């Protein structure tokens, strides 16, 4: 039986906070920052949560674009945006956890770039490059759909495919460009 999404979210938070507190704040944060600790922070703390943030943000933006400019499956705004609340929550949590772990890996106080910072920038640039690449792929799919009868390729309207492509490019391309230009600037300055 479905319950209120707010009740589900609050119960998840109430169960998750004590586990996070005892596992991370009381124990793991104070451990030796060796390979496994760094791998955990980079993969679970940063990469996984950044992927959640990018996907959830894309869902929110896509739902809004389809409602205002596309071809929604329903006339009811409540039905159309029913799952968007979960995506907003996921995006918020993903961004907060990513931001926290980014601060944990911050550069040394003297401003020297550490290797972990470089790995972090490559991870973020890679994730957003994949999102932007899917956006370009969806442009090709939308072009194919415009020449084919009906909804053969994706099962959605061509307009919605183009909106999905726009969403992925809006989310992925600027973040990728920001991090990739930082990487290029650092490489150029050190050569």
N, C-alpha and C. Protein backbone atom coordinates (compact mmCIF):
# COMPACT_ATOMS: atom_id res chain seq x y z
N UNK A 1 0.85 -1.18 0.00
CA UNK A 1 0.00 0.00 0.00
C UNK A 1 0.90 1.24 0.00
N UNK A 2 0.54 2.20 -0.83
CA UNK A 2 1.32 3.43 -0.91
C UNK A 2 1.01 4.31 0.28
N UNK A 3 2.06 4.89 0.83
CA UNK A 3 1.87 5.85 1.91
C UNK A 3 2.27 7.22 1.40
N UNK A 4 2.07 8.19 2.23
CA UNK A 4 2.43 9.56 1.89
C UNK A 4 3.94 9.65 1.66
N UNK A 5 4.39 10.22 0.52
CA UNK A 5 5.83 10.31 0.25
C UNK A 5 6.59 11.08 1.32
N UNK A 6 5.95 12.04 1.96
CA UNK A 6 6.60 12.80 3.02
C UNK A 6 6.90 11.88 4.21
N UNK A 7 5.96 11.00 4.54
CA UNK A 7 6.17 10.05 5.64
C UNK A 7 7.33 9.11 5.30
N UNK A 8 7.37 8.62 4.06
CA UNK A 8 8.47 7.75 3.64
C UNK A 8 9.81 8.48 3.74
N UNK A 9 9.85 9.73 3.30
CA UNK A 9 11.09 10.50 3.33
C UNK A 9 11.54 10.77 4.76
N UNK A 10 10.62 11.17 5.61
CA UNK A 10 10.98 11.45 7.01
C UNK A 10 11.47 10.19 7.70
N UNK A 11 10.81 9.06 7.46
CA UNK A 11 11.26 7.81 8.10
C UNK A 11 12.64 7.41 7.59
N UNK A 12 12.92 7.62 6.31
CA UNK A 12 14.25 7.33 5.78
C UNK A 12 15.30 8.22 6.42
N UNK A 13 14.99 9.49 6.57
CA UNK A 13 15.93 10.42 7.21
C UNK A 13 16.16 10.03 8.66
N UNK A 14 15.09 9.70 9.38
CA UNK A 14 15.22 9.35 10.80
C UNK A 14 16.04 8.07 10.99
N UNK A 15 15.96 7.15 10.04
CA UNK A 15 16.78 5.93 10.13
C UNK A 15 18.21 6.18 9.65
N UNK A 16 18.39 7.07 8.69
CA UNK A 16 19.70 7.28 8.10
C UNK A 16 20.63 8.15 8.91
N UNK A 17 20.10 9.16 9.57
CA UNK A 17 20.96 10.09 10.32
C UNK A 17 21.75 9.39 11.43
N UNK A 18 21.14 8.56 12.26
CA UNK A 18 21.96 7.90 13.30
C UNK A 18 23.04 6.98 12.71
N UNK A 19 22.71 6.26 11.64
CA UNK A 19 23.70 5.39 11.01
C UNK A 19 24.86 6.23 10.48
N UNK A 20 24.55 7.32 9.81
CA UNK A 20 25.58 8.21 9.27
C UNK A 20 26.43 8.80 10.40
N UNK A 21 25.77 9.22 11.47
CA UNK A 21 26.49 9.82 12.59
C UNK A 21 27.48 8.82 13.18
N UNK A 22 27.02 7.62 13.52
CA UNK A 22 27.91 6.66 14.15
C UNK A 22 28.97 6.13 13.19
N UNK A 23 28.61 5.89 11.95
CA UNK A 23 29.57 5.33 11.00
C UNK A 23 30.58 6.37 10.55
N UNK A 24 30.09 7.55 10.14
CA UNK A 24 30.99 8.52 9.53
C UNK A 24 31.58 9.51 10.54
N UNK A 25 30.73 10.24 11.24
CA UNK A 25 31.24 11.31 12.11
C UNK A 25 32.03 10.79 13.30
N UNK A 26 31.56 9.73 13.93
CA UNK A 26 32.25 9.23 15.12
C UNK A 26 33.44 8.36 14.79
N UNK A 27 33.41 7.65 13.64
CA UNK A 27 34.47 6.69 13.38
C UNK A 27 35.27 6.99 12.10
N UNK A 28 34.63 6.89 10.97
CA UNK A 28 35.35 6.90 9.69
C UNK A 28 36.01 8.23 9.36
N UNK A 29 35.45 9.33 9.77
CA UNK A 29 36.03 10.63 9.47
C UNK A 29 37.41 10.78 10.12
N UNK A 30 37.61 10.07 11.23
CA UNK A 30 38.87 10.18 11.97
C UNK A 30 39.90 9.12 11.57
N UNK A 31 39.55 8.23 10.66
CA UNK A 31 40.48 7.18 10.24
C UNK A 31 41.63 7.75 9.43
N UNK A 32 42.67 6.96 9.29
CA UNK A 32 43.80 7.31 8.46
C UNK A 32 43.33 7.47 7.02
N UNK A 33 43.72 8.55 6.40
CA UNK A 33 43.28 8.84 5.04
C UNK A 33 44.15 8.09 4.04
N UNK A 34 43.92 6.79 3.98
CA UNK A 34 44.69 5.95 3.07
C UNK A 34 43.91 5.73 1.78
N UNK A 35 44.37 4.80 0.97
CA UNK A 35 43.76 4.54 -0.34
C UNK A 35 42.28 4.19 -0.22
N UNK A 36 41.94 3.29 0.69
CA UNK A 36 40.55 2.85 0.81
C UNK A 36 39.63 3.96 1.30
N UNK A 37 40.12 4.78 2.22
CA UNK A 37 39.33 5.90 2.71
C UNK A 37 39.07 6.88 1.58
N UNK A 38 40.12 7.21 0.83
CA UNK A 38 39.98 8.12 -0.30
C UNK A 38 39.08 7.54 -1.39
N UNK A 39 39.21 6.24 -1.65
CA UNK A 39 38.36 5.59 -2.65
C UNK A 39 36.90 5.67 -2.24
N UNK A 40 36.63 5.45 -0.95
CA UNK A 40 35.26 5.56 -0.46
C UNK A 40 34.71 6.97 -0.63
N UNK A 41 35.50 7.96 -0.24
CA UNK A 41 35.04 9.34 -0.35
C UNK A 41 34.82 9.73 -1.81
N UNK A 42 35.76 9.35 -2.68
CA UNK A 42 35.64 9.72 -4.09
C UNK A 42 34.51 8.98 -4.79
N UNK A 43 34.37 7.68 -4.54
CA UNK A 43 33.36 6.91 -5.27
C UNK A 43 31.97 7.00 -4.63
N UNK A 44 31.89 6.71 -3.34
CA UNK A 44 30.57 6.72 -2.68
C UNK A 44 30.13 8.12 -2.31
N UNK A 45 31.04 8.91 -1.80
CA UNK A 45 30.67 10.24 -1.34
C UNK A 45 30.50 11.25 -2.45
N UNK A 46 31.40 11.22 -3.43
CA UNK A 46 31.36 12.24 -4.48
C UNK A 46 30.70 11.73 -5.75
N UNK A 47 31.25 10.69 -6.37
CA UNK A 47 30.74 10.24 -7.67
C UNK A 47 29.28 9.80 -7.60
N UNK A 48 28.96 8.93 -6.66
CA UNK A 48 27.59 8.41 -6.58
C UNK A 48 26.58 9.52 -6.31
N UNK A 49 26.91 10.40 -5.39
CA UNK A 49 25.96 11.47 -5.06
C UNK A 49 25.90 12.53 -6.14
N UNK A 50 26.99 12.76 -6.85
CA UNK A 50 26.92 13.71 -7.96
C UNK A 50 26.07 13.14 -9.09
N UNK A 51 26.18 11.83 -9.34
CA UNK A 51 25.32 11.20 -10.35
C UNK A 51 23.85 11.33 -9.94
N UNK A 52 23.56 11.09 -8.68
CA UNK A 52 22.19 11.25 -8.18
C UNK A 52 21.72 12.68 -8.39
N UNK A 53 22.57 13.64 -8.09
CA UNK A 53 22.20 15.05 -8.24
C UNK A 53 21.96 15.40 -9.71
N UNK A 54 22.82 14.93 -10.61
CA UNK A 54 22.65 15.23 -12.04
C UNK A 54 21.39 14.58 -12.59
N UNK A 55 21.17 13.31 -12.28
CA UNK A 55 19.98 12.61 -12.79
C UNK A 55 18.71 13.24 -12.22
N UNK A 56 18.68 13.48 -10.92
CA UNK A 56 17.48 14.05 -10.29
C UNK A 56 17.20 15.47 -10.80
N UNK A 57 18.25 16.27 -10.94
CA UNK A 57 18.06 17.63 -11.48
C UNK A 57 17.53 17.56 -12.91
N UNK A 58 18.04 16.62 -13.67
CA UNK A 58 17.57 16.46 -15.05
C UNK A 58 16.09 16.08 -15.08
N UNK A 59 15.68 15.22 -14.17
CA UNK A 59 14.27 14.82 -14.11
C UNK A 59 13.39 16.02 -13.80
N UNK A 60 13.79 16.83 -12.83
CA UNK A 60 13.01 18.01 -12.44
C UNK A 60 12.89 18.98 -13.61
N UNK A 61 14.03 19.27 -14.25
CA UNK A 61 14.02 20.22 -15.37
C UNK A 61 13.21 19.66 -16.53
N UNK A 62 13.40 18.37 -16.84
CA UNK A 62 12.67 17.74 -17.94
C UNK A 62 11.16 17.78 -17.69
N UNK A 63 10.73 17.43 -16.48
CA UNK A 63 9.29 17.47 -16.18
C UNK A 63 8.73 18.87 -16.37
N UNK A 64 9.46 19.88 -15.93
CA UNK A 64 8.99 21.25 -16.10
C UNK A 64 8.94 21.64 -17.57
N UNK A 65 9.97 21.29 -18.33
CA UNK A 65 9.98 21.63 -19.76
C UNK A 65 8.86 20.91 -20.52
N UNK A 66 8.63 19.65 -20.20
CA UNK A 66 7.54 18.91 -20.87
C UNK A 66 6.19 19.53 -20.53
N UNK A 67 6.02 19.93 -19.29
CA UNK A 67 4.73 20.52 -18.90
C UNK A 67 4.48 21.83 -19.65
N UNK A 68 5.50 22.68 -19.75
CA UNK A 68 5.29 23.99 -20.36
C UNK A 68 5.47 24.01 -21.87
N UNK A 69 6.36 23.18 -22.41
CA UNK A 69 6.66 23.26 -23.84
C UNK A 69 6.44 21.97 -24.61
N UNK A 70 6.30 20.85 -23.91
CA UNK A 70 6.22 19.55 -24.58
C UNK A 70 4.81 19.01 -24.66
N UNK A 71 4.75 17.70 -24.68
CA UNK A 71 3.48 16.98 -24.78
C UNK A 71 3.34 16.06 -23.57
N UNK A 72 2.78 16.59 -22.46
CA UNK A 72 2.61 15.77 -21.25
C UNK A 72 1.60 14.64 -21.49
N UNK A 73 1.73 13.57 -20.71
CA UNK A 73 0.84 12.41 -20.84
C UNK A 73 -0.51 12.64 -20.17
N UNK A 74 -0.63 13.69 -19.40
CA UNK A 74 -1.86 13.96 -18.67
C UNK A 74 -2.14 15.45 -18.67
N UNK A 75 -3.38 15.80 -18.45
CA UNK A 75 -3.77 17.21 -18.35
C UNK A 75 -3.66 17.73 -16.92
N UNK A 76 -3.49 16.82 -15.97
CA UNK A 76 -3.43 17.19 -14.56
C UNK A 76 -2.00 17.48 -14.14
N UNK A 77 -1.78 18.69 -13.64
CA UNK A 77 -0.44 19.05 -13.17
C UNK A 77 -0.03 18.19 -11.98
N UNK A 78 -0.98 17.84 -11.13
CA UNK A 78 -0.68 17.03 -9.95
C UNK A 78 -0.16 15.66 -10.37
N UNK A 79 -0.80 15.05 -11.35
CA UNK A 79 -0.33 13.75 -11.84
C UNK A 79 1.00 13.86 -12.57
N UNK A 80 1.15 14.91 -13.35
CA UNK A 80 2.39 15.06 -14.11
C UNK A 80 3.58 15.26 -13.19
N UNK A 81 3.42 16.06 -12.14
CA UNK A 81 4.53 16.38 -11.25
C UNK A 81 4.56 15.52 -10.00
N UNK A 82 3.80 14.42 -9.98
CA UNK A 82 3.71 13.57 -8.78
C UNK A 82 5.08 13.05 -8.36
N UNK A 83 5.86 12.52 -9.30
CA UNK A 83 7.17 11.97 -8.96
C UNK A 83 8.28 13.03 -8.92
N UNK A 84 7.97 14.23 -9.34
CA UNK A 84 8.98 15.30 -9.36
C UNK A 84 9.41 15.66 -7.94
N UNK A 85 8.52 15.55 -6.98
CA UNK A 85 8.88 15.86 -5.59
C UNK A 85 10.00 14.95 -5.11
N UNK A 86 9.93 13.67 -5.47
CA UNK A 86 11.00 12.75 -5.09
C UNK A 86 12.32 13.16 -5.75
N UNK A 87 12.25 13.59 -7.00
CA UNK A 87 13.46 14.01 -7.71
C UNK A 87 14.05 15.27 -7.08
N UNK A 88 13.20 16.19 -6.64
CA UNK A 88 13.70 17.40 -5.96
C UNK A 88 14.42 17.01 -4.68
N UNK A 89 13.83 16.10 -3.92
CA UNK A 89 14.47 15.63 -2.70
C UNK A 89 15.78 14.93 -2.97
N UNK A 90 15.80 14.07 -3.98
CA UNK A 90 17.03 13.35 -4.33
C UNK A 90 18.11 14.31 -4.80
N UNK A 91 17.72 15.29 -5.60
CA UNK A 91 18.70 16.28 -6.07
C UNK A 91 19.28 17.06 -4.90
N UNK A 92 18.43 17.47 -3.99
CA UNK A 92 18.89 18.23 -2.82
C UNK A 92 19.85 17.42 -1.97
N UNK A 93 19.48 16.18 -1.67
CA UNK A 93 20.34 15.32 -0.85
C UNK A 93 21.63 15.01 -1.60
N UNK A 94 21.53 14.70 -2.89
CA UNK A 94 22.73 14.41 -3.67
C UNK A 94 23.70 15.58 -3.69
N UNK A 95 23.17 16.78 -3.87
CA UNK A 95 24.02 17.97 -3.89
C UNK A 95 24.65 18.22 -2.53
N UNK A 96 23.87 18.08 -1.47
CA UNK A 96 24.41 18.31 -0.12
C UNK A 96 25.49 17.31 0.24
N UNK A 97 25.26 16.03 -0.05
CA UNK A 97 26.27 15.01 0.29
C UNK A 97 27.51 15.18 -0.58
N UNK A 98 27.31 15.48 -1.87
CA UNK A 98 28.45 15.74 -2.75
C UNK A 98 29.24 16.95 -2.23
N UNK A 99 28.55 18.02 -1.88
CA UNK A 99 29.21 19.24 -1.40
C UNK A 99 30.01 18.96 -0.12
N UNK A 100 29.43 18.21 0.78
CA UNK A 100 30.11 17.86 2.03
C UNK A 100 31.40 17.09 1.75
N UNK A 101 31.31 16.05 0.92
CA UNK A 101 32.49 15.25 0.62
C UNK A 101 33.53 16.04 -0.19
N UNK A 102 33.07 16.99 -0.98
CA UNK A 102 33.99 17.87 -1.70
C UNK A 102 34.80 18.69 -0.70
N UNK A 103 34.16 19.16 0.35
CA UNK A 103 34.86 19.92 1.39
C UNK A 103 35.85 19.04 2.14
N UNK A 104 35.51 17.77 2.33
CA UNK A 104 36.42 16.85 3.01
C UNK A 104 37.71 16.70 2.21
N UNK A 105 37.60 16.71 0.87
CA UNK A 105 38.77 16.55 0.01
C UNK A 105 39.42 17.87 -0.39
N UNK A 106 39.07 18.95 0.26
CA UNK A 106 39.56 20.27 -0.13
C UNK A 106 41.08 20.31 -0.19
N UNK A 107 41.60 21.27 -0.94
CA UNK A 107 43.05 21.42 -1.10
C UNK A 107 43.73 21.72 0.22
N UNK A 108 45.04 21.55 0.22
CA UNK A 108 45.83 21.85 1.41
C UNK A 108 45.73 23.33 1.72
N UNK A 109 45.93 23.72 2.99
CA UNK A 109 45.81 25.14 3.36
C UNK A 109 46.74 26.06 2.60
N UNK A 110 47.91 25.58 2.15
CA UNK A 110 48.83 26.46 1.44
C UNK A 110 48.45 26.66 -0.02
N UNK A 111 47.32 26.09 -0.45
CA UNK A 111 46.83 26.30 -1.80
C UNK A 111 47.37 25.32 -2.83
N UNK A 112 48.24 24.40 -2.42
CA UNK A 112 48.80 23.42 -3.36
C UNK A 112 47.70 22.46 -3.82
N UNK A 113 47.69 22.18 -5.10
CA UNK A 113 46.73 21.22 -5.64
C UNK A 113 47.22 19.82 -5.31
N UNK A 114 46.39 19.06 -4.67
CA UNK A 114 46.74 17.69 -4.34
C UNK A 114 46.18 16.77 -5.40
N UNK A 115 46.72 15.57 -5.47
CA UNK A 115 46.28 14.60 -6.47
C UNK A 115 44.80 14.27 -6.32
N UNK A 116 44.32 14.21 -5.08
CA UNK A 116 42.90 13.91 -4.87
C UNK A 116 42.01 14.96 -5.50
N UNK A 117 42.45 16.20 -5.47
CA UNK A 117 41.67 17.27 -6.08
C UNK A 117 41.59 17.07 -7.60
N UNK A 118 42.68 16.64 -8.19
CA UNK A 118 42.68 16.37 -9.63
C UNK A 118 41.76 15.22 -9.96
N UNK A 119 41.80 14.15 -9.17
CA UNK A 119 40.92 13.00 -9.40
C UNK A 119 39.47 13.44 -9.27
N UNK A 120 39.19 14.25 -8.27
CA UNK A 120 37.84 14.79 -8.07
C UNK A 120 37.36 15.55 -9.30
N UNK A 121 38.22 16.41 -9.84
CA UNK A 121 37.83 17.21 -11.01
C UNK A 121 37.60 16.33 -12.23
N UNK A 122 38.41 15.30 -12.40
CA UNK A 122 38.21 14.37 -13.52
C UNK A 122 36.91 13.58 -13.36
N UNK A 123 36.58 13.19 -12.15
CA UNK A 123 35.32 12.46 -11.91
C UNK A 123 34.12 13.33 -12.28
N UNK A 124 34.10 14.56 -11.78
CA UNK A 124 32.98 15.45 -12.05
C UNK A 124 32.90 15.77 -13.55
N UNK A 125 34.05 16.05 -14.16
CA UNK A 125 34.05 16.35 -15.61
C UNK A 125 33.57 15.14 -16.40
N UNK A 126 33.97 13.94 -16.00
CA UNK A 126 33.55 12.73 -16.70
C UNK A 126 32.06 12.48 -16.60
N UNK A 127 31.51 12.64 -15.41
CA UNK A 127 30.07 12.42 -15.21
C UNK A 127 29.26 13.41 -16.04
N UNK A 128 29.64 14.66 -16.03
CA UNK A 128 28.86 15.66 -16.77
C UNK A 128 29.11 15.54 -18.27
N UNK A 129 30.27 15.07 -18.68
CA UNK A 129 30.50 14.82 -20.10
C UNK A 129 29.59 13.70 -20.60
N UNK A 130 29.39 12.68 -19.79
CA UNK A 130 28.47 11.60 -20.16
C UNK A 130 27.06 12.14 -20.30
N UNK A 131 26.62 13.00 -19.37
CA UNK A 131 25.28 13.59 -19.47
C UNK A 131 25.15 14.42 -20.74
N UNK A 132 26.16 15.23 -21.04
CA UNK A 132 26.11 16.05 -22.26
C UNK A 132 26.14 15.17 -23.51
N UNK A 133 26.90 14.09 -23.48
CA UNK A 133 26.95 13.18 -24.62
C UNK A 133 25.59 12.52 -24.86
N UNK A 134 24.90 12.15 -23.78
CA UNK A 134 23.55 11.62 -23.94
C UNK A 134 22.62 12.69 -24.51
N UNK A 135 22.84 13.95 -24.13
CA UNK A 135 22.05 15.04 -24.70
C UNK A 135 22.24 15.13 -26.21
N UNK A 136 23.49 15.04 -26.66
CA UNK A 136 23.75 15.05 -28.10
C UNK A 136 23.14 13.84 -28.79
N UNK A 137 23.22 12.69 -28.14
CA UNK A 137 22.60 11.48 -28.69
C UNK A 137 21.09 11.65 -28.82
N UNK A 138 20.47 12.28 -27.84
CA UNK A 138 19.03 12.49 -27.89
C UNK A 138 18.64 13.48 -28.99
N UNK A 139 19.53 14.40 -29.35
CA UNK A 139 19.26 15.29 -30.48
C UNK A 139 19.17 14.46 -31.76
N UNK A 140 20.07 13.50 -31.90
CA UNK A 140 20.03 12.62 -33.07
C UNK A 140 18.74 11.80 -33.06
N UNK A 141 18.35 11.29 -31.89
CA UNK A 141 17.11 10.52 -31.78
C UNK A 141 15.91 11.40 -32.13
N UNK A 142 15.89 12.64 -31.65
CA UNK A 142 14.79 13.55 -31.97
C UNK A 142 14.74 13.83 -33.46
N UNK A 143 15.90 13.96 -34.10
CA UNK A 143 15.94 14.19 -35.55
C UNK A 143 15.38 12.99 -36.29
N UNK A 144 15.75 11.79 -35.86
CA UNK A 144 15.22 10.58 -36.49
C UNK A 144 13.71 10.50 -36.30
N UNK A 145 13.24 10.82 -35.10
CA UNK A 145 11.80 10.78 -34.83
C UNK A 145 11.03 11.78 -35.67
N UNK A 146 11.66 12.91 -36.02
CA UNK A 146 10.95 13.90 -36.83
C UNK A 146 10.73 13.41 -38.25
N UNK A 147 11.53 12.44 -38.70
CA UNK A 147 11.38 11.91 -40.05
C UNK A 147 10.61 10.60 -40.10
N UNK A 148 10.32 10.00 -38.95
CA UNK A 148 9.61 8.72 -38.93
C UNK A 148 8.17 8.94 -38.49
N UNK A 149 7.26 8.10 -38.98
CA UNK A 149 5.87 8.25 -38.55
C UNK A 149 5.68 7.73 -37.12
N UNK A 150 4.87 8.44 -36.38
CA UNK A 150 4.53 8.00 -35.03
C UNK A 150 5.68 8.14 -34.06
N UNK A 151 5.65 7.29 -33.04
CA UNK A 151 6.65 7.34 -31.98
C UNK A 151 7.44 6.04 -32.00
N UNK A 152 8.19 5.83 -33.09
CA UNK A 152 8.88 4.58 -33.31
C UNK A 152 10.12 4.38 -32.46
N UNK A 153 10.93 5.40 -32.30
CA UNK A 153 12.25 5.22 -31.71
C UNK A 153 12.19 5.13 -30.19
N UNK A 154 11.65 6.14 -29.52
CA UNK A 154 11.67 6.15 -28.06
C UNK A 154 10.31 5.90 -27.43
N UNK A 155 9.24 5.95 -28.19
CA UNK A 155 7.92 5.78 -27.62
C UNK A 155 7.35 7.06 -27.04
N UNK A 156 8.06 8.18 -27.21
CA UNK A 156 7.57 9.48 -26.74
C UNK A 156 7.49 10.41 -27.94
N UNK A 157 6.88 11.54 -27.73
CA UNK A 157 6.76 12.51 -28.80
C UNK A 157 8.14 13.09 -29.12
N UNK A 158 8.35 13.46 -30.38
CA UNK A 158 9.63 14.03 -30.80
C UNK A 158 9.98 15.29 -30.03
N UNK A 159 8.97 16.08 -29.71
CA UNK A 159 9.20 17.30 -28.93
C UNK A 159 9.79 16.95 -27.57
N UNK A 160 9.25 15.91 -26.94
CA UNK A 160 9.76 15.51 -25.62
C UNK A 160 11.19 15.00 -25.71
N UNK A 161 11.53 14.31 -26.80
CA UNK A 161 12.91 13.85 -26.97
C UNK A 161 13.86 15.03 -27.11
N UNK A 162 13.42 16.04 -27.83
CA UNK A 162 14.25 17.24 -27.97
C UNK A 162 14.39 17.98 -26.64
N UNK A 163 13.32 17.99 -25.85
CA UNK A 163 13.38 18.60 -24.52
C UNK A 163 14.32 17.82 -23.60
N UNK A 164 14.32 16.50 -23.72
CA UNK A 164 15.24 15.69 -22.93
C UNK A 164 16.68 16.00 -23.33
N UNK A 165 16.92 16.12 -24.63
CA UNK A 165 18.26 16.47 -25.10
C UNK A 165 18.68 17.83 -24.56
N UNK A 166 17.79 18.79 -24.61
CA UNK A 166 18.09 20.12 -24.09
C UNK A 166 18.39 20.08 -22.60
N UNK A 167 17.61 19.29 -21.87
CA UNK A 167 17.82 19.17 -20.42
C UNK A 167 19.20 18.61 -20.12
N UNK A 168 19.56 17.51 -20.79
CA UNK A 168 20.85 16.89 -20.52
C UNK A 168 22.01 17.81 -20.89
N UNK A 169 21.84 18.56 -21.97
CA UNK A 169 22.88 19.52 -22.34
C UNK A 169 22.95 20.68 -21.35
N UNK A 170 21.78 21.16 -20.88
CA UNK A 170 21.76 22.25 -19.90
C UNK A 170 22.41 21.84 -18.58
N UNK A 171 22.19 20.60 -18.18
CA UNK A 171 22.74 20.15 -16.91
C UNK A 171 24.21 19.77 -17.07
N UNK A 172 24.54 19.03 -18.11
CA UNK A 172 25.89 18.49 -18.24
C UNK A 172 26.93 19.43 -18.80
N UNK A 173 26.61 20.14 -19.87
CA UNK A 173 27.63 20.92 -20.59
C UNK A 173 28.26 22.03 -19.75
N UNK A 174 27.51 22.87 -19.04
CA UNK A 174 28.16 23.95 -18.28
C UNK A 174 29.07 23.44 -17.16
N UNK A 175 28.62 22.40 -16.46
CA UNK A 175 29.44 21.87 -15.37
C UNK A 175 30.70 21.23 -15.94
N UNK A 176 30.52 20.47 -17.05
CA UNK A 176 31.69 19.88 -17.69
C UNK A 176 32.66 20.97 -18.12
N UNK A 177 32.18 22.00 -18.76
CA UNK A 177 33.06 23.07 -19.25
C UNK A 177 33.81 23.73 -18.09
N UNK A 178 33.13 23.98 -16.99
CA UNK A 178 33.75 24.61 -15.83
C UNK A 178 34.92 23.77 -15.32
N UNK A 179 34.67 22.47 -15.08
CA UNK A 179 35.72 21.62 -14.53
C UNK A 179 36.80 21.31 -15.55
N UNK A 180 36.42 21.10 -16.81
CA UNK A 180 37.42 20.79 -17.81
C UNK A 180 38.33 21.99 -18.07
N UNK A 181 37.78 23.19 -18.07
CA UNK A 181 38.64 24.37 -18.27
C UNK A 181 39.59 24.55 -17.09
N UNK A 182 39.18 24.21 -15.88
CA UNK A 182 40.09 24.25 -14.73
C UNK A 182 41.22 23.25 -14.90
N UNK A 183 40.88 22.06 -15.36
CA UNK A 183 41.91 21.04 -15.59
C UNK A 183 42.88 21.52 -16.65
N UNK A 184 42.35 22.04 -17.77
CA UNK A 184 43.22 22.53 -18.84
C UNK A 184 44.11 23.68 -18.38
N UNK A 185 43.54 24.59 -17.60
CA UNK A 185 44.30 25.73 -17.09
C UNK A 185 45.46 25.26 -16.22
N UNK A 186 45.20 24.29 -15.36
CA UNK A 186 46.26 23.77 -14.50
C UNK A 186 47.35 23.08 -15.32
N UNK A 187 46.96 22.29 -16.31
CA UNK A 187 47.94 21.59 -17.13
C UNK A 187 48.76 22.60 -17.93
N UNK A 188 48.11 23.62 -18.49
CA UNK A 188 48.80 24.64 -19.26
C UNK A 188 49.78 25.42 -18.40
N UNK A 189 49.39 25.78 -17.20
CA UNK A 189 50.26 26.55 -16.32
C UNK A 189 51.47 25.76 -15.83
N UNK A 190 51.36 24.44 -15.78
CA UNK A 190 52.46 23.62 -15.27
C UNK A 190 53.35 23.06 -16.38
N UNK A 191 53.04 23.35 -17.62
CA UNK A 191 53.89 22.87 -18.73
C UNK A 191 54.71 23.98 -19.32
